[in-house]
Amino acid sequence: MRLVLATPLYPPEIGGPATDAAALARELEARGMAVVVCPFSRVRRLPKLLRHLGYALVVARASRGADAIVAFDTVSAGLPALLAARATRTPLVVRVPGDYAWEQGVQRFGVADPIDAFQQRRYGLRVGALRLAQRRVVRGAALVIAPSDYFTGIVAGWGVSAARLKRIYLGLPPLPPAREPADRPAGRLLVSIGRFVPWKGFGLLIDLLPDLPGWQLALVGDGPLAPALKAQAAARGVSERVRFTGALSRAEALGWLACADAFALNTAFESFSFQVLEAMLAGAPVIATTVGSLPELIDNGVEGVLLAPSDRAGFLEAIRSVERDPETWAARRAAARRASADFSLGASAGAFAEAIMTVCA
């Protein structure tokens, strides 16, 4: 079987999506499939209006004689992949990582609603165009794969029939050796990892620091809100206690988890969270939110603590409890390590390969 993978990010680009795409490609090849990867970086140098058309041509050329095209998102790679699939009459499989229309609406077009409310409301033409493109792609696919039970429900609302929709949890790629930071701050260390976008809620963690004497905060990642978060730290008088690492390799990010006294993720949306899984496997106490797929990864009070997004008092108490109640957290950390094994790359790739073979048959 020959597959073409259309992915928006791929090594040497860094980040979870790039790591995930490369790991899945290797696993599929190990199962006897021939995999041709078409990273979007091949056309990123082109003017914006030409990139997607150029990418459709790249994918179409690679798809001659292929059994299926697999797109790793719905718009940047997914829409050109749909055009290529139609041109070459190749079945299209779409793995949906999130709601692209909602994410862009929040970042660029003034959408303030949470993702669940977003599904029921209408917005302006630009958001509407993204929503239309996204839904056209998933409705034109032979198979749509969602990364969690929660997000399967979201995608079903886009008009995808149950017969063409399958939940396959993402699998955690093998961890490289952690590269712990040489300049780890002294004292207790709270770590959070992710892209600096509005729904990740990093600002709350900065606001907690005045009430957490002896704690340092490391924010691992980068994104459009980086300047605002640095300004917030300065305004709160805690700049010296907040480390902005910038974008790091996976080994470097794992190094921060390895030396963390606690990991916190104040997110308002997660279709699936590699960061939480990696923190669980690394043995860091995990404090996260009750949204999206996170309750599918963590039982509250068993493998970690789950709170409502931006529950200031709850996050403050949970972080303090790490220091106050080490025995309870030792049991939670051990349970988290065991639970993280359920999300193996091998199991995910096996289910993925089986689903694709069914489509091609």
Protein backbone atom coordinates (compact mmCIF):
# COMPACT_ATOMS: atom_id res chain seq x y z
CA MET A 1 0.00 0.00 0.00
CA ARG A 2 1.27 3.45 -0.92
CA LEU A 3 0.25 6.52 1.09
CA VAL A 4 0.85 10.23 0.59
CA LEU A 5 1.00 12.25 3.81
CA ALA A 6 0.09 15.94 3.47
CA THR A 7 1.27 17.65 6.64
CA PRO A 8 1.54 21.35 7.59
CA LEU A 9 4.62 20.74 9.75
CA TYR A 10 7.44 18.20 9.51
CA PRO A 11 10.99 17.94 10.85
CA PRO A 12 13.32 19.79 10.87
CA GLU A 13 10.42 22.05 11.88
CA ILE A 14 9.77 21.67 15.61
CA GLY A 15 6.63 21.23 17.63
CA GLY A 16 4.18 18.47 18.50
CA PRO A 17 2.49 18.26 15.07
CA ALA A 18 5.82 17.86 13.29
CA THR A 19 7.03 15.20 15.73
CA ASP A 20 3.71 13.37 15.51
CA ALA A 21 3.68 13.32 11.69
CA ALA A 22 7.23 11.97 11.47
CA ALA A 23 6.62 9.32 14.12
CA LEU A 24 3.42 8.10 12.47
CA ALA A 25 5.13 7.93 9.06
CA ARG A 26 7.85 5.71 10.53
CA GLU A 27 5.30 3.44 12.20
CA LEU A 28 3.29 3.01 9.02
CA GLU A 29 6.43 2.17 7.07
CA ALA A 30 7.30 -0.42 9.72
CA ARG A 31 3.93 -2.01 8.95
CA GLY A 32 4.87 -2.45 5.29
CA MET A 33 3.30 0.69 3.86
CA ALA A 34 5.19 2.92 1.43
CA VAL A 35 4.87 6.48 2.70
CA VAL A 36 5.60 9.65 0.71
CA VAL A 37 5.61 12.76 2.90
CA CYS A 38 4.66 16.13 1.39
CA PRO A 39 5.43 18.82 3.98
CA PHE A 40 3.86 22.24 3.46
CA SER A 41 7.34 23.76 3.84
CA ARG A 42 7.96 22.95 0.16
CA VAL A 43 5.72 25.85 -0.84
CA ARG A 44 6.07 28.18 2.15
CA ARG A 45 8.38 30.44 0.16
CA LEU A 46 5.62 31.19 -2.36
CA PRO A 47 3.35 34.25 -2.05
CA LYS A 48 0.39 33.60 0.24
CA LEU A 49 -2.21 33.43 -2.50
CA LEU A 50 -0.19 30.86 -4.44
CA ARG A 51 0.94 28.57 -1.64
CA HIS A 52 -2.15 26.43 -1.42
CA LEU A 53 -2.48 26.03 -5.17
CA GLY A 54 1.19 25.11 -5.40
CA TYR A 55 0.78 22.65 -2.55
CA ALA A 56 -2.19 21.01 -4.27
CA LEU A 57 0.05 20.43 -7.29
CA VAL A 58 2.81 18.96 -5.10
CA VAL A 59 0.37 16.54 -3.47
CA ALA A 60 -1.29 15.64 -6.79
CA ARG A 61 2.07 14.75 -8.35
CA ALA A 62 2.99 12.59 -5.38
CA SER A 63 -0.42 10.89 -5.45
CA ARG A 64 -0.09 9.23 -8.85
CA GLY A 65 -0.50 5.55 -8.17
CA ALA A 66 -1.13 6.10 -4.45
CA ASP A 67 -3.81 4.18 -2.56
CA ALA A 68 -4.75 7.11 -0.31
CA ILE A 69 -3.89 10.69 0.61
CA VAL A 70 -3.73 11.41 4.35
CA ALA A 71 -4.08 15.07 5.37
CA PHE A 72 -2.99 16.08 8.85
CA ASP A 73 -5.22 19.13 9.10
CA THR A 74 -8.37 20.54 7.54
CA VAL A 75 -7.34 23.74 5.77
CA SER A 76 -3.67 24.53 5.17
CA ALA A 77 -2.88 20.96 4.09
CA GLY A 78 -6.39 19.57 4.00
CA LEU A 79 -7.94 21.85 1.39
CA PRO A 80 -5.11 21.37 -1.17
CA ALA A 81 -5.18 17.64 -0.39
CA LEU A 82 -8.90 17.55 -1.22
CA LEU A 83 -8.21 19.22 -4.57
CA ALA A 84 -5.42 16.74 -5.27
CA ALA A 85 -7.60 13.79 -4.26
CA ARG A 86 -10.34 14.86 -6.62
CA ALA A 87 -7.92 15.49 -9.47
CA THR A 88 -6.27 12.09 -9.10
CA ARG A 89 -9.35 10.18 -7.92
CA THR A 90 -7.52 9.06 -4.80
CA PRO A 91 -9.35 8.40 -1.50
CA LEU A 92 -8.75 11.15 1.07
CA VAL A 93 -8.29 10.51 4.79
CA VAL A 94 -8.33 13.59 7.04
CA ARG A 95 -6.99 13.56 10.58
CA VAL A 96 -8.54 16.56 12.33
CA PRO A 97 -6.26 18.13 14.96
CA GLY A 98 -8.61 20.96 15.97
CA ASP A 99 -11.17 23.48 14.77
CA TYR A 100 -9.16 25.68 12.42
CA ALA A 101 -12.02 28.16 11.92
CA TRP A 102 -12.40 28.69 15.66
CA GLU A 103 -8.65 28.99 16.28
CA GLN A 104 -8.22 31.59 13.54
CA GLY A 105 -11.38 33.37 14.65
CA VAL A 106 -10.03 33.74 18.18
CA GLN A 107 -6.55 34.83 17.07
CA ARG A 108 -7.45 37.12 14.17
CA PHE A 109 -11.14 37.95 13.91
CA GLY A 110 -12.35 38.84 17.38
CA VAL A 111 -14.17 35.62 18.27
CA ALA A 112 -14.50 35.43 22.06
CA ASP A 113 -16.75 32.39 22.41
CA PRO A 114 -15.40 29.05 23.66
CA ILE A 115 -15.24 26.30 21.08
CA ASP A 116 -18.47 24.55 22.07
CA ALA A 117 -20.51 27.76 21.83
CA PHE A 118 -18.73 28.59 18.55
CA GLN A 119 -20.26 25.51 16.93
CA GLN A 120 -23.78 26.92 17.37
CA ARG A 121 -23.27 30.54 16.28
CA ARG A 122 -22.55 32.49 13.13
CA TYR A 123 -19.83 35.07 12.65
CA GLY A 124 -18.54 37.30 9.84
CA LEU A 125 -17.62 36.38 6.30
CA ARG A 126 -13.98 35.57 7.03
CA VAL A 127 -14.77 33.12 9.81
CA GLY A 128 -17.64 31.76 7.75
CA ALA A 129 -15.32 31.14 4.80
CA LEU A 130 -12.88 29.19 6.98
CA ARG A 131 -15.72 27.20 8.49
CA LEU A 132 -17.07 26.41 5.02
CA ALA A 133 -13.65 25.31 3.74
CA GLN A 134 -13.10 23.09 6.76
CA ARG A 135 -16.48 21.42 6.45
CA ARG A 136 -16.08 20.90 2.71
CA VAL A 137 -12.83 19.06 3.35
CA VAL A 138 -14.17 16.68 6.00
CA ARG A 139 -17.37 16.05 4.04
CA GLY A 140 -15.30 15.23 0.96
CA ALA A 141 -13.11 12.72 2.78
CA ALA A 142 -13.57 8.96 2.62
CA LEU A 143 -12.57 8.79 6.29
CA VAL A 144 -12.23 11.40 9.03
CA ILE A 145 -10.17 10.63 12.12
CA ALA A 146 -10.61 12.60 15.35
CA PRO A 147 -8.11 12.38 18.24
CA SER A 148 -10.56 11.99 21.15
CA ASP A 149 -14.14 11.12 22.01
CA TYR A 150 -14.77 14.76 22.83
CA PHE A 151 -13.57 16.01 19.47
CA THR A 152 -15.39 13.24 17.60
CA GLY A 153 -18.57 14.88 18.84
CA ILE A 154 -17.42 18.27 17.52
CA VAL A 155 -16.59 16.88 14.07
CA ALA A 156 -19.87 14.97 13.86
CA GLY A 157 -21.58 18.35 14.09
CA TRP A 158 -19.82 19.40 10.87
CA GLY A 159 -21.94 16.97 8.89
CA VAL A 160 -19.69 13.89 8.90
CA SER A 161 -21.64 10.65 9.09
CA ALA A 162 -20.82 8.11 11.77
CA ALA A 163 -19.81 5.61 9.07
CA ARG A 164 -16.99 7.92 7.92
CA LEU A 165 -15.90 9.16 11.36
CA LYS A 166 -13.53 7.28 13.66
CA ARG A 167 -11.86 8.14 16.94
CA ILE A 168 -8.20 7.16 17.15
CA TYR A 169 -6.21 8.53 20.07
CA LEU A 170 -2.86 10.00 19.14
CA GLY A 171 0.10 7.95 20.25
CA LEU A 172 3.00 9.37 22.20
CA PRO A 173 6.19 9.05 20.12
CA PRO A 174 9.24 7.58 21.90
CA LEU A 175 10.84 10.14 24.15
CA PRO A 176 14.35 11.31 23.26
CA PRO A 177 16.81 11.71 26.15
CA ALA A 178 15.78 14.78 28.11
CA ARG A 179 18.19 17.71 27.97
CA GLU A 180 17.75 19.41 31.31
CA PRO A 181 18.44 23.16 31.31
CA ALA A 182 21.84 24.14 32.63
CA ASP A 183 20.34 27.31 34.12
CA ARG A 184 17.33 25.90 35.95
CA PRO A 185 16.07 28.56 38.36
CA ALA A 186 16.62 27.91 42.06
CA GLY A 187 13.60 27.05 44.17
CA ARG A 188 10.41 25.26 43.30
CA LEU A 189 9.66 25.20 39.58
CA LEU A 190 6.26 25.35 37.89
CA VAL A 191 6.36 24.51 34.17
CA SER A 192 3.82 25.04 31.42
CA ILE A 193 4.26 24.19 27.75
CA GLY A 194 2.40 25.23 24.63
CA ARG A 195 1.83 27.81 21.96
CA PHE A 196 1.19 31.30 23.30
CA VAL A 197 -2.37 31.72 22.05
CA PRO A 198 -5.41 33.05 23.95
CA TRP A 199 -7.07 29.75 24.89
CA LYS A 200 -3.95 28.37 26.59
CA GLY A 201 -4.41 30.71 29.56
CA PHE A 202 -0.76 31.30 30.47
CA GLY A 203 -1.60 34.69 31.96
CA LEU A 204 -3.25 33.08 35.00
CA LEU A 205 -0.01 31.32 35.94
CA ILE A 206 1.86 34.63 35.88
CA ASP A 207 -0.82 36.20 38.07
CA LEU A 208 -0.44 33.42 40.64
CA LEU A 209 3.25 34.04 41.31
CA PRO A 210 2.84 36.85 43.89
CA ASP A 211 0.90 34.32 45.99
CA LEU A 212 3.48 31.56 45.49
CA PRO A 213 6.67 32.70 47.24
CA GLY A 214 9.60 30.43 46.51
CA TRP A 215 8.16 29.29 43.16
CA GLN A 216 9.60 30.03 39.73
CA LEU A 217 7.66 29.72 36.46
CA ALA A 218 9.00 28.44 33.15
CA LEU A 219 6.83 29.04 30.08
CA VAL A 220 8.12 26.75 27.35
CA GLY A 221 7.07 27.78 23.85
CA ASP A 222 6.39 30.82 21.74
CA GLY A 223 3.55 32.45 19.89
CA PRO A 224 1.73 35.70 19.16
CA LEU A 225 0.98 36.48 22.83
CA ALA A 226 4.64 36.35 23.93
CA PRO A 227 5.07 40.18 24.11
CA ALA A 228 1.82 40.57 26.07
CA LEU A 229 2.78 37.84 28.54
CA LYS A 230 6.20 39.42 29.12
CA ALA A 231 4.54 42.79 29.69
CA GLN A 232 2.14 41.14 32.15
CA ALA A 233 5.03 39.63 34.10
CA ALA A 234 6.66 43.06 34.30
CA ALA A 235 3.43 44.71 35.42
CA ARG A 236 2.98 42.11 38.17
CA GLY A 237 6.57 42.61 39.32
CA VAL A 238 7.56 38.99 38.71
CA SER A 239 9.72 39.23 35.58
CA GLU A 240 12.72 37.80 37.43
CA ARG A 241 10.67 34.75 38.39
CA VAL A 242 9.32 33.94 34.91
CA ARG A 243 11.53 32.19 32.38
CA PHE A 244 10.41 32.49 28.74
CA THR A 245 12.37 29.76 26.99
CA GLY A 246 11.18 30.37 23.44
CA ALA A 247 10.54 27.48 21.06
CA LEU A 248 12.60 24.44 22.03
CA SER A 249 13.35 21.04 20.63
CA ARG A 250 11.41 18.15 22.11
CA ALA A 251 14.44 16.98 24.08
CA GLU A 252 14.87 20.44 25.60
CA ALA A 253 11.17 20.73 26.47
CA LEU A 254 11.32 17.31 28.13
CA GLY A 255 14.31 18.55 30.10
CA TRP A 256 12.16 21.24 31.69
CA LEU A 257 9.53 18.63 32.57
CA ALA A 258 12.19 16.38 34.08
CA CYS A 259 13.22 19.06 36.58
CA ALA A 260 9.74 20.49 37.24
CA ASP A 261 8.13 20.37 40.66
CA ALA A 262 4.73 20.74 38.99
CA PHE A 263 3.23 21.04 35.51
CA ALA A 264 0.19 23.28 34.97
CA LEU A 265 -1.93 23.76 31.86
CA ASN A 266 -4.70 26.34 32.19
CA THR A 267 -6.17 25.63 28.77
CA ALA A 268 -9.71 26.36 27.56
CA PHE A 269 -9.48 23.81 24.72
CA GLU A 270 -7.64 20.59 23.95
CA SER A 271 -8.56 18.15 21.20
CA PHE A 272 -5.65 16.02 22.46
CA SER A 273 -2.67 17.06 24.58
CA PHE A 274 0.80 15.66 24.01
CA GLN A 275 2.10 18.10 26.62
CA VAL A 276 -0.06 16.56 29.34
CA LEU A 277 0.89 13.02 28.32
CA GLU A 278 4.58 13.89 28.32
CA ALA A 279 4.26 15.51 31.75
CA MET A 280 2.50 12.38 33.04
CA LEU A 281 5.23 10.12 31.66
CA ALA A 282 7.97 12.41 33.00
CA GLY A 283 6.52 12.09 36.51
CA ALA A 284 5.67 15.76 36.99
CA PRO A 285 2.56 16.49 39.11
CA VAL A 286 -0.10 17.48 36.56
CA ILE A 287 -2.64 20.24 37.17
CA ALA A 288 -4.86 20.91 34.17
CA THR A 289 -8.44 21.72 33.21
CA THR A 290 -11.66 19.79 32.72
CA VAL A 291 -12.06 20.82 29.09
CA GLY A 292 -11.97 18.90 25.83
CA SER A 293 -10.13 15.60 25.86
CA LEU A 294 -8.29 16.10 29.16
CA PRO A 295 -10.76 14.06 31.25
CA GLU A 296 -10.06 11.19 28.83
CA LEU A 297 -6.38 11.33 29.83
CA ILE A 298 -6.68 12.07 33.53
CA ASP A 299 -9.11 11.02 36.24
CA ASN A 300 -9.40 13.96 38.62
CA GLY A 301 -7.70 13.15 41.88
CA VAL A 302 -6.20 9.90 40.55
CA GLU A 303 -3.50 10.84 37.98
CA GLY A 304 -3.61 14.57 38.63
CA VAL A 305 -5.98 17.44 39.36
CA LEU A 306 -8.47 18.89 36.88
CA LEU A 307 -10.04 22.31 37.40
CA ALA A 308 -12.30 24.69 35.54
CA PRO A 309 -10.32 26.97 33.20
CA SER A 310 -8.93 30.04 35.00
CA ASP A 311 -10.05 28.80 38.42
CA ARG A 312 -7.57 31.00 40.25
CA ALA A 313 -8.24 29.68 43.74
CA GLY A 314 -8.25 26.09 42.51
CA PHE A 315 -4.93 26.37 40.68
CA LEU A 316 -3.35 28.15 43.63
CA GLU A 317 -4.47 25.47 46.07
CA ALA A 318 -3.41 22.61 43.79
CA ILE A 319 0.09 24.05 43.32
CA ARG A 320 0.46 24.62 47.06
CA SER A 321 -0.65 21.04 47.71
CA VAL A 322 2.33 19.73 45.72
CA GLU A 323 4.60 21.08 48.44
CA ARG A 324 2.24 20.38 51.33
CA ASP A 325 1.16 16.82 50.47
CA PRO A 326 4.02 14.98 48.72
CA GLU A 327 2.67 11.49 49.54
CA THR A 328 -0.63 12.10 47.75
CA TRP A 329 1.18 13.49 44.76
CA ALA A 330 3.64 10.58 44.70
CA ALA A 331 0.68 8.22 44.26
CA ARG A 332 -0.81 10.44 41.56
CA ARG A 333 2.48 10.63 39.69
CA ALA A 334 2.85 6.84 39.73
CA ALA A 335 -0.73 6.44 38.47
CA ALA A 336 -0.09 8.99 35.74
CA ARG A 337 2.95 7.10 34.49
CA ARG A 338 0.90 3.91 34.28
CA ALA A 339 -2.01 5.64 32.51
CA SER A 340 0.24 7.27 29.92
CA ALA A 341 1.21 3.81 28.66
CA ASP A 342 -2.32 3.40 27.28
CA PHE A 343 -1.55 6.03 24.64
CA SER A 344 1.28 4.29 22.83
CA LEU A 345 2.35 5.16 19.31
CA GLY A 346 2.21 1.51 18.32
CA ALA A 347 -1.45 1.16 19.29
CA SER A 348 -2.37 4.42 17.56
CA ALA A 349 -0.50 3.56 14.36
CA GLY A 350 -2.00 0.09 14.29
CA ALA A 351 -5.55 1.45 14.51
CA PHE A 352 -4.66 4.08 11.91
CA ALA A 353 -3.28 1.52 9.46
CA GLU A 354 -6.31 -0.73 9.92
CA ALA A 355 -8.70 2.17 9.26
CA ILE A 356 -6.86 3.20 6.09
CA MET A 357 -6.80 -0.35 4.73
CA THR A 358 -10.55 -0.56 5.25
CA VAL A 359 -11.03 2.63 3.24
CA CYS A 360 -8.79 1.45 0.42
CA ALA A 361 -10.47 -1.95 0.30
